Protein backbone atom coordinates (compact mmCIF):
# COMPACT_ATOMS: atom_id res chain seq x y z
CA MET A 1 -14.51 40.15 15.12
CA LYS A 2 -16.93 37.82 16.92
CA SER A 3 -18.09 36.44 13.58
CA ILE A 4 -14.50 35.70 12.54
CA LEU A 5 -13.78 33.85 15.78
CA ARG A 6 -17.03 31.91 15.54
CA HIS A 7 -16.21 30.89 11.96
CA ALA A 8 -12.67 29.86 12.94
CA LEU A 9 -13.96 27.80 15.86
CA HIS A 10 -16.56 26.16 13.64
CA ARG A 11 -13.83 25.18 11.17
CA LEU A 12 -11.62 23.86 13.98
CA LEU A 13 -14.47 21.72 15.32
CA HIS A 14 -15.10 20.38 11.82
CA LEU A 15 -11.39 19.59 11.43
CA LEU A 16 -11.30 17.77 14.77
CA GLY A 17 -14.30 15.76 13.63
CA ASN A 18 -12.14 14.40 10.81
CA TYR A 19 -9.34 13.38 13.19
CA PRO A 20 -10.86 11.53 16.16
CA ALA A 21 -7.48 10.53 17.64
CA ILE A 22 -6.39 14.18 17.92
CA LYS A 23 -9.79 15.14 19.29
CA ARG A 24 -9.58 12.39 21.94
CA MET A 25 -6.10 13.56 22.98
CA ILE A 26 -7.28 17.19 23.34
CA VAL A 27 -10.41 16.13 25.22
CA ASN A 28 -8.35 14.03 27.64
CA VAL A 29 -6.11 17.01 28.44
CA VAL A 30 -8.91 19.58 28.72
CA TYR A 31 -11.04 17.23 30.86
CA ARG A 32 -8.47 17.57 33.67
CA PHE A 33 -9.33 21.30 33.99
CA PRO A 34 -13.07 21.54 34.78
CA ALA A 35 -13.35 25.32 34.41
CA LEU A 36 -11.61 25.25 31.02
CA ASP A 37 -13.67 22.23 29.97
CA SER A 38 -16.94 23.98 30.83
CA THR A 39 -15.93 27.19 29.09
CA LEU A 40 -14.78 25.43 25.93
CA ARG A 41 -17.95 23.32 25.81
CA THR A 42 -20.09 26.45 26.08
CA VAL A 43 -18.12 28.25 23.37
CA ALA A 44 -18.19 25.21 21.10
CA HIS A 45 -21.93 24.82 21.60
CA ARG A 46 -22.55 28.47 20.76
CA ALA A 47 -20.36 28.19 17.65
CA ALA A 48 -22.14 25.05 16.47
CA HIS A 49 -25.61 26.32 17.37
CA PRO A 50 -25.81 30.09 16.85
CA ASP A 51 -28.70 32.00 18.39
CA ALA A 52 -31.96 31.60 16.56
CA VAL A 53 -33.40 34.78 15.16
CA LEU A 54 -36.72 35.28 16.87
CA ASP A 55 -38.57 38.56 17.02
CA VAL A 56 -40.59 38.50 20.25
CA ASP A 57 -42.50 41.44 21.65
CA VAL A 58 -41.93 40.85 25.36
CA THR A 59 -44.63 43.33 26.33
CA CYS A 60 -47.28 41.04 24.79
CA LEU A 61 -46.24 37.98 26.81
CA PRO A 62 -47.93 36.93 30.06
CA GLU A 63 -45.84 37.53 33.20
CA GLY A 64 -44.78 33.89 33.64
CA SER A 65 -43.75 33.60 30.00
CA ARG A 66 -41.87 36.88 30.23
CA ARG A 67 -39.79 35.60 33.17
CA VAL A 68 -38.98 32.36 31.33
CA TYR A 69 -38.08 34.28 28.17
CA GLU A 70 -35.73 36.60 30.10
CA ARG A 71 -34.01 33.62 31.78
CA MET A 72 -33.50 32.00 28.37
CA ARG A 73 -32.05 35.23 26.96
CA ARG A 74 -29.55 35.48 29.83
CA GLY A 75 -28.29 31.96 29.20
CA PRO A 76 -27.35 29.07 31.46
CA HIS A 77 -24.52 30.80 33.37
CA SER A 78 -26.28 33.98 34.42
């Protein structure tokens, strides 16, 4: 299900890229609602830039690197 939604959002973003006037109108409306704006930007970013596949053995990392890695895994809003 998540893959289907991500694909649909990716297609929508591509479509809006072809119609800048419609995109500008939507952005102007969404910009007035900061919580919605932030959420949509996060979702759009994740759809455009899916998680990189990286196999990391956390137990082999030094403590400082392990903390940074865990913060990155949780994401910006955790």
